[in-house]
Amino acid sequence: AVSDERPVSTQSTWGWLQEYLQSYEKILLTVSHDREYLNTVCTDIIHLDRRKLSYYKGNFDQFIKTRDELRRSQAVQYEKQQNMIKHNEEFIRKFKAKKKKYRLRGRSSETAKAHRG
């Protein structure tokens, strides 16, 4: 892990900082690529994605899990919507075809009556 690569003096300072921030009562904005640090210190995550802020409760691992579940759920909903759209379009196509068929059938019977009369 990343913390194993730090010199001993940095590790103790890093540990002190993490402990201090865990008990910090105010809001703190932190940016880091150190997942262990983010999991230790963060209690809430605000994620900026596509110009939209989303709020997640929990540490970084919980944020990743929740975000991934949300994305999977959205993908399933999107797929259901696409299937419903296809179904509705097919229904409309069939309805239009039947309507046209009956309209043509009605015209041919009117034409036949006109020729008989």
N, C-alpha and C. Protein backbone atom coordinates (compact mmCIF):
# COMPACT_ATOMS: atom_id res chain seq x y z
N ALA A 1 0.84 -1.19 0.00
CA ALA A 1 0.00 0.00 0.00
C ALA A 1 0.88 1.23 0.00
N VAL A 2 0.28 2.35 -0.24
CA VAL A 2 1.01 3.61 -0.34
C VAL A 2 1.68 3.95 0.99
N SER A 3 1.00 3.73 2.12
CA SER A 3 1.56 4.12 3.41
C SER A 3 2.84 3.35 3.74
N ASP A 4 2.99 2.13 3.20
CA ASP A 4 4.19 1.35 3.45
C ASP A 4 5.42 1.96 2.77
N GLU A 5 5.22 2.74 1.74
CA GLU A 5 6.32 3.33 0.99
C GLU A 5 6.82 4.63 1.62
N ARG A 6 6.11 5.16 2.60
CA ARG A 6 6.50 6.42 3.23
C ARG A 6 7.58 6.17 4.29
N PRO A 7 8.46 7.14 4.46
CA PRO A 7 9.44 7.02 5.56
C PRO A 7 8.72 6.95 6.90
N VAL A 8 9.36 6.36 7.91
CA VAL A 8 8.75 6.17 9.22
C VAL A 8 8.24 7.48 9.81
N SER A 9 9.02 8.55 9.72
CA SER A 9 8.58 9.84 10.28
C SER A 9 7.33 10.35 9.57
N THR A 10 7.23 10.13 8.27
CA THR A 10 6.05 10.55 7.51
C THR A 10 4.86 9.68 7.89
N GLN A 11 5.08 8.38 8.12
CA GLN A 11 3.99 7.48 8.52
C GLN A 11 3.38 7.94 9.84
N SER A 12 4.20 8.30 10.81
CA SER A 12 3.66 8.72 12.10
C SER A 12 2.93 10.05 11.97
N THR A 13 3.45 10.95 11.16
CA THR A 13 2.77 12.24 10.91
C THR A 13 1.46 11.99 10.19
N TRP A 14 1.49 11.11 9.22
CA TRP A 14 0.30 10.77 8.45
C TRP A 14 -0.77 10.16 9.36
N GLY A 15 -0.36 9.27 10.23
CA GLY A 15 -1.28 8.65 11.18
C GLY A 15 -1.88 9.68 12.12
N TRP A 16 -1.03 10.60 12.61
CA TRP A 16 -1.52 11.66 13.49
C TRP A 16 -2.56 12.51 12.76
N LEU A 17 -2.27 12.87 11.50
CA LEU A 17 -3.20 13.69 10.71
C LEU A 17 -4.53 12.97 10.52
N GLN A 18 -4.48 11.69 10.20
CA GLN A 18 -5.72 10.93 10.00
C GLN A 18 -6.53 10.89 11.30
N GLU A 19 -5.89 10.63 12.41
CA GLU A 19 -6.59 10.59 13.70
C GLU A 19 -7.20 11.94 14.04
N TYR A 20 -6.44 12.99 13.80
CA TYR A 20 -6.92 14.34 14.08
C TYR A 20 -8.15 14.66 13.22
N LEU A 21 -8.08 14.33 11.93
CA LEU A 21 -9.18 14.65 11.02
C LEU A 21 -10.42 13.81 11.30
N GLN A 22 -10.26 12.61 11.83
CA GLN A 22 -11.41 11.77 12.18
C GLN A 22 -12.26 12.43 13.27
N SER A 23 -11.64 13.17 14.15
CA SER A 23 -12.38 13.81 15.24
C SER A 23 -12.68 15.28 14.95
N TYR A 24 -12.29 15.76 13.78
CA TYR A 24 -12.51 17.16 13.41
C TYR A 24 -14.00 17.41 13.23
N GLU A 25 -14.55 18.40 13.92
CA GLU A 25 -15.99 18.64 13.95
C GLU A 25 -16.49 19.55 12.84
N LYS A 26 -15.61 20.15 12.10
CA LYS A 26 -16.02 21.10 11.07
C LYS A 26 -15.91 20.46 9.69
N ILE A 27 -16.33 21.18 8.69
CA ILE A 27 -16.26 20.70 7.31
C ILE A 27 -14.84 20.86 6.79
N LEU A 28 -14.39 19.84 6.10
CA LEU A 28 -13.05 19.87 5.52
C LEU A 28 -13.15 19.34 4.10
N LEU A 29 -12.59 20.08 3.18
CA LEU A 29 -12.51 19.62 1.80
C LEU A 29 -11.11 19.06 1.61
N THR A 30 -11.05 17.82 1.16
CA THR A 30 -9.75 17.20 0.93
C THR A 30 -9.75 16.53 -0.43
N VAL A 31 -8.61 16.57 -1.07
CA VAL A 31 -8.43 15.91 -2.36
C VAL A 31 -7.23 14.99 -2.21
N SER A 32 -7.42 13.73 -2.58
CA SER A 32 -6.34 12.77 -2.43
C SER A 32 -6.57 11.59 -3.36
N HIS A 33 -5.46 10.95 -3.72
CA HIS A 33 -5.52 9.71 -4.48
C HIS A 33 -5.25 8.52 -3.57
N ASP A 34 -5.07 8.78 -2.30
CA ASP A 34 -4.78 7.74 -1.31
C ASP A 34 -6.09 7.19 -0.76
N ARG A 35 -6.47 6.04 -1.25
CA ARG A 35 -7.76 5.45 -0.88
C ARG A 35 -7.84 5.16 0.62
N GLU A 36 -6.77 4.68 1.20
CA GLU A 36 -6.75 4.39 2.64
C GLU A 36 -7.03 5.66 3.44
N TYR A 37 -6.38 6.74 3.05
CA TYR A 37 -6.60 8.04 3.71
C TYR A 37 -8.06 8.46 3.59
N LEU A 38 -8.61 8.38 2.37
CA LEU A 38 -10.00 8.78 2.15
C LEU A 38 -10.97 7.91 2.95
N ASN A 39 -10.69 6.62 3.05
CA ASN A 39 -11.55 5.73 3.83
C ASN A 39 -11.47 6.04 5.31
N THR A 40 -10.31 6.43 5.78
CA THR A 40 -10.10 6.70 7.20
C THR A 40 -10.72 8.03 7.61
N VAL A 41 -10.56 9.04 6.80
CA VAL A 41 -10.92 10.41 7.17
C VAL A 41 -12.35 10.80 6.76
N CYS A 42 -12.78 10.39 5.59
CA CYS A 42 -14.05 10.88 5.05
C CYS A 42 -15.26 10.19 5.67
N THR A 43 -16.27 10.99 5.98
CA THR A 43 -17.55 10.48 6.47
C THR A 43 -18.67 10.79 5.47
N ASP A 44 -18.40 11.71 4.56
CA ASP A 44 -19.36 12.11 3.53
C ASP A 44 -18.56 12.45 2.28
N ILE A 45 -19.13 12.14 1.14
CA ILE A 45 -18.47 12.42 -0.14
C ILE A 45 -19.42 13.28 -0.97
N ILE A 46 -18.89 14.33 -1.56
CA ILE A 46 -19.63 15.12 -2.53
C ILE A 46 -18.92 14.91 -3.86
N HIS A 47 -19.62 14.31 -4.81
CA HIS A 47 -19.03 13.92 -6.09
C HIS A 47 -19.52 14.85 -7.19
N LEU A 48 -18.60 15.42 -7.93
CA LEU A 48 -18.92 16.27 -9.07
C LEU A 48 -18.82 15.43 -10.33
N ASP A 49 -19.94 15.28 -11.03
CA ASP A 49 -19.97 14.49 -12.25
C ASP A 49 -20.92 15.15 -13.23
N ARG A 50 -20.42 15.48 -14.40
CA ARG A 50 -21.23 16.13 -15.45
C ARG A 50 -21.91 17.40 -14.94
N ARG A 51 -21.14 18.20 -14.25
CA ARG A 51 -21.60 19.50 -13.72
C ARG A 51 -22.70 19.36 -12.67
N LYS A 52 -22.80 18.20 -12.06
CA LYS A 52 -23.82 17.97 -11.03
C LYS A 52 -23.14 17.42 -9.78
N LEU A 53 -23.50 17.99 -8.62
CA LEU A 53 -22.97 17.51 -7.35
C LEU A 53 -23.93 16.47 -6.77
N SER A 54 -23.36 15.35 -6.35
CA SER A 54 -24.15 14.30 -5.69
C SER A 54 -23.55 14.04 -4.32
N TYR A 55 -24.41 13.85 -3.33
CA TYR A 55 -24.00 13.68 -1.94
C TYR A 55 -24.11 12.21 -1.55
N TYR A 56 -23.05 11.68 -0.97
CA TYR A 56 -23.02 10.29 -0.51
C TYR A 56 -22.57 10.26 0.94
N LYS A 57 -23.23 9.45 1.75
CA LYS A 57 -22.87 9.25 3.15
C LYS A 57 -21.90 8.08 3.23
N GLY A 58 -20.87 8.21 4.05
CA GLY A 58 -19.93 7.11 4.25
C GLY A 58 -18.54 7.44 3.73
N ASN A 59 -17.66 6.46 3.86
CA ASN A 59 -16.27 6.66 3.42
C ASN A 59 -16.16 6.44 1.91
N PHE A 60 -14.93 6.44 1.41
CA PHE A 60 -14.72 6.36 -0.03
C PHE A 60 -15.19 5.02 -0.61
N ASP A 61 -14.89 3.92 0.07
CA ASP A 61 -15.33 2.61 -0.42
C ASP A 61 -16.85 2.54 -0.50
N GLN A 62 -17.54 3.09 0.49
CA GLN A 62 -19.00 3.10 0.47
C GLN A 62 -19.52 3.97 -0.67
N PHE A 63 -18.85 5.08 -0.92
CA PHE A 63 -19.20 5.95 -2.04
C PHE A 63 -19.11 5.18 -3.36
N ILE A 64 -18.01 4.48 -3.56
CA ILE A 64 -17.80 3.72 -4.80
C ILE A 64 -18.90 2.66 -4.95
N LYS A 65 -19.18 1.94 -3.87
CA LYS A 65 -20.19 0.89 -3.89
C LYS A 65 -21.57 1.47 -4.23
N THR A 66 -21.95 2.55 -3.54
CA THR A 66 -23.25 3.17 -3.75
C THR A 66 -23.37 3.74 -5.16
N ARG A 67 -22.32 4.42 -5.61
CA ARG A 67 -22.33 5.00 -6.95
C ARG A 67 -22.46 3.91 -8.01
N ASP A 68 -21.72 2.81 -7.86
CA ASP A 68 -21.80 1.72 -8.83
C ASP A 68 -23.18 1.07 -8.84
N GLU A 69 -23.78 0.88 -7.66
CA GLU A 69 -25.13 0.33 -7.58
C GLU A 69 -26.13 1.25 -8.27
N LEU A 70 -25.98 2.55 -8.05
CA LEU A 70 -26.87 3.53 -8.68
C LEU A 70 -26.72 3.49 -10.20
N ARG A 71 -25.49 3.40 -10.68
CA ARG A 71 -25.27 3.33 -12.13
C ARG A 71 -25.86 2.06 -12.73
N ARG A 72 -25.70 0.93 -12.03
CA ARG A 72 -26.29 -0.32 -12.52
C ARG A 72 -27.81 -0.21 -12.57
N SER A 73 -28.39 0.36 -11.53
CA SER A 73 -29.84 0.55 -11.48
C SER A 73 -30.31 1.45 -12.62
N GLN A 74 -29.58 2.52 -12.88
CA GLN A 74 -29.94 3.42 -13.97
C GLN A 74 -29.83 2.72 -15.32
N ALA A 75 -28.82 1.86 -15.47
CA ALA A 75 -28.66 1.12 -16.72
C ALA A 75 -29.83 0.15 -16.93
N VAL A 76 -30.27 -0.50 -15.87
CA VAL A 76 -31.41 -1.42 -15.95
C VAL A 76 -32.67 -0.63 -16.31
N GLN A 77 -32.88 0.51 -15.66
CA GLN A 77 -34.05 1.34 -15.96
C GLN A 77 -34.03 1.82 -17.41
N TYR A 78 -32.85 2.22 -17.88
CA TYR A 78 -32.70 2.68 -19.26
C TYR A 78 -33.07 1.56 -20.23
N GLU A 79 -32.59 0.35 -19.95
CA GLU A 79 -32.88 -0.80 -20.81
C GLU A 79 -34.38 -1.09 -20.82
N LYS A 80 -35.03 -1.02 -19.67
CA LYS A 80 -36.48 -1.22 -19.60
C LYS A 80 -37.22 -0.16 -20.43
N GLN A 81 -36.77 1.09 -20.32
CA GLN A 81 -37.40 2.17 -21.08
C GLN A 81 -37.24 1.94 -22.58
N GLN A 82 -36.04 1.51 -22.99
CA GLN A 82 -35.80 1.26 -24.41
C GLN A 82 -36.69 0.12 -24.92
N ASN A 83 -36.85 -0.93 -24.10
CA ASN A 83 -37.73 -2.04 -24.48
C ASN A 83 -39.18 -1.59 -24.59
N MET A 84 -39.61 -0.73 -23.67
CA MET A 84 -40.98 -0.21 -23.70
C MET A 84 -41.19 0.66 -24.95
N ILE A 85 -40.20 1.46 -25.27
CA ILE A 85 -40.29 2.30 -26.48
C ILE A 85 -40.42 1.43 -27.72
N LYS A 86 -39.59 0.38 -27.82
CA LYS A 86 -39.67 -0.53 -28.97
C LYS A 86 -41.04 -1.20 -29.04
N HIS A 87 -41.51 -1.65 -27.88
CA HIS A 87 -42.83 -2.30 -27.83
C HIS A 87 -43.93 -1.34 -28.30
N ASN A 88 -43.90 -0.11 -27.80
CA ASN A 88 -44.92 0.88 -28.18
C ASN A 88 -44.83 1.23 -29.66
N GLU A 89 -43.62 1.37 -30.18
CA GLU A 89 -43.46 1.69 -31.60
C GLU A 89 -43.99 0.56 -32.47
N GLU A 90 -43.73 -0.68 -32.06
CA GLU A 90 -44.24 -1.84 -32.81
C GLU A 90 -45.77 -1.88 -32.77
N PHE A 91 -46.34 -1.61 -31.61
CA PHE A 91 -47.80 -1.56 -31.47
C PHE A 91 -48.39 -0.50 -32.40
N ILE A 92 -47.78 0.67 -32.42
CA ILE A 92 -48.26 1.77 -33.27
C ILE A 92 -48.16 1.38 -34.74
N ARG A 93 -47.04 0.76 -35.13
CA ARG A 93 -46.88 0.33 -36.52
C ARG A 93 -47.96 -0.68 -36.92
N LYS A 94 -48.22 -1.65 -36.04
CA LYS A 94 -49.25 -2.65 -36.33
C LYS A 94 -50.63 -2.01 -36.41
N PHE A 95 -50.91 -1.08 -35.50
CA PHE A 95 -52.21 -0.41 -35.48
C PHE A 95 -52.41 0.40 -36.77
N LYS A 96 -51.36 1.11 -37.19
CA LYS A 96 -51.46 1.90 -38.42
C LYS A 96 -51.67 0.99 -39.63
N ALA A 97 -50.96 -0.16 -39.64
CA ALA A 97 -51.10 -1.10 -40.76
C ALA A 97 -52.52 -1.65 -40.81
N LYS A 98 -53.09 -2.03 -39.66
CA LYS A 98 -54.46 -2.55 -39.63
C LYS A 98 -55.45 -1.49 -40.08
N LYS A 99 -55.25 -0.27 -39.62
CA LYS A 99 -56.16 0.83 -39.97
C LYS A 99 -56.13 1.06 -41.49
N LYS A 100 -54.93 1.04 -42.05
CA LYS A 100 -54.79 1.25 -43.50
C LYS A 100 -55.42 0.09 -44.26
N LYS A 101 -55.23 -1.13 -43.76
CA LYS A 101 -55.79 -2.33 -44.39
C LYS A 101 -57.32 -2.24 -44.42
N TYR A 102 -57.93 -1.86 -43.28
CA TYR A 102 -59.40 -1.74 -43.22
C TYR A 102 -59.90 -0.60 -44.10
N ARG A 103 -59.14 0.47 -44.15
CA ARG A 103 -59.53 1.60 -44.99
C ARG A 103 -59.53 1.18 -46.45
N LEU A 104 -58.48 0.43 -46.87
CA LEU A 104 -58.40 -0.04 -48.26
C LEU A 104 -59.50 -1.06 -48.55
N ARG A 105 -59.80 -1.91 -47.60
CA ARG A 105 -60.86 -2.92 -47.75
C ARG A 105 -62.21 -2.21 -47.91
N GLY A 106 -62.40 -1.17 -47.11
CA GLY A 106 -63.64 -0.40 -47.19
C GLY A 106 -63.79 0.30 -48.53
N ARG A 107 -62.74 0.82 -49.09
CA ARG A 107 -62.78 1.49 -50.39
C ARG A 107 -63.09 0.50 -51.50
N SER A 108 -62.47 -0.68 -51.41
CA SER A 108 -62.70 -1.67 -52.48
C SER A 108 -64.15 -2.14 -52.47
N SER A 109 -64.77 -2.28 -51.29
CA SER A 109 -66.18 -2.69 -51.23
C SER A 109 -67.08 -1.55 -51.73
N GLU A 110 -66.69 -0.30 -51.45
CA GLU A 110 -67.47 0.84 -51.96
C GLU A 110 -67.37 0.90 -53.46
N THR A 111 -66.20 0.63 -54.00
CA THR A 111 -66.00 0.65 -55.45
C THR A 111 -66.81 -0.46 -56.09
N ALA A 112 -66.82 -1.63 -55.46
CA ALA A 112 -67.60 -2.77 -56.01
C ALA A 112 -69.08 -2.43 -56.00
N LYS A 113 -69.60 -1.80 -54.95
CA LYS A 113 -71.01 -1.42 -54.88
C LYS A 113 -71.35 -0.40 -55.95
N ALA A 114 -70.41 0.53 -56.19
CA ALA A 114 -70.65 1.57 -57.20
C ALA A 114 -70.72 0.96 -58.58
N HIS A 115 -69.90 -0.06 -58.86
CA HIS A 115 -69.92 -0.70 -60.19
C HIS A 115 -71.18 -1.56 -60.37
N ARG A 116 -71.72 -2.09 -59.28
CA ARG A 116 -72.93 -2.92 -59.36
C ARG A 116 -74.17 -2.06 -59.55
N GLY A 117 -74.11 -0.90 -58.95
CA GLY A 117 -75.29 -0.06 -58.90
C GLY A 117 -75.58 0.68 -60.11
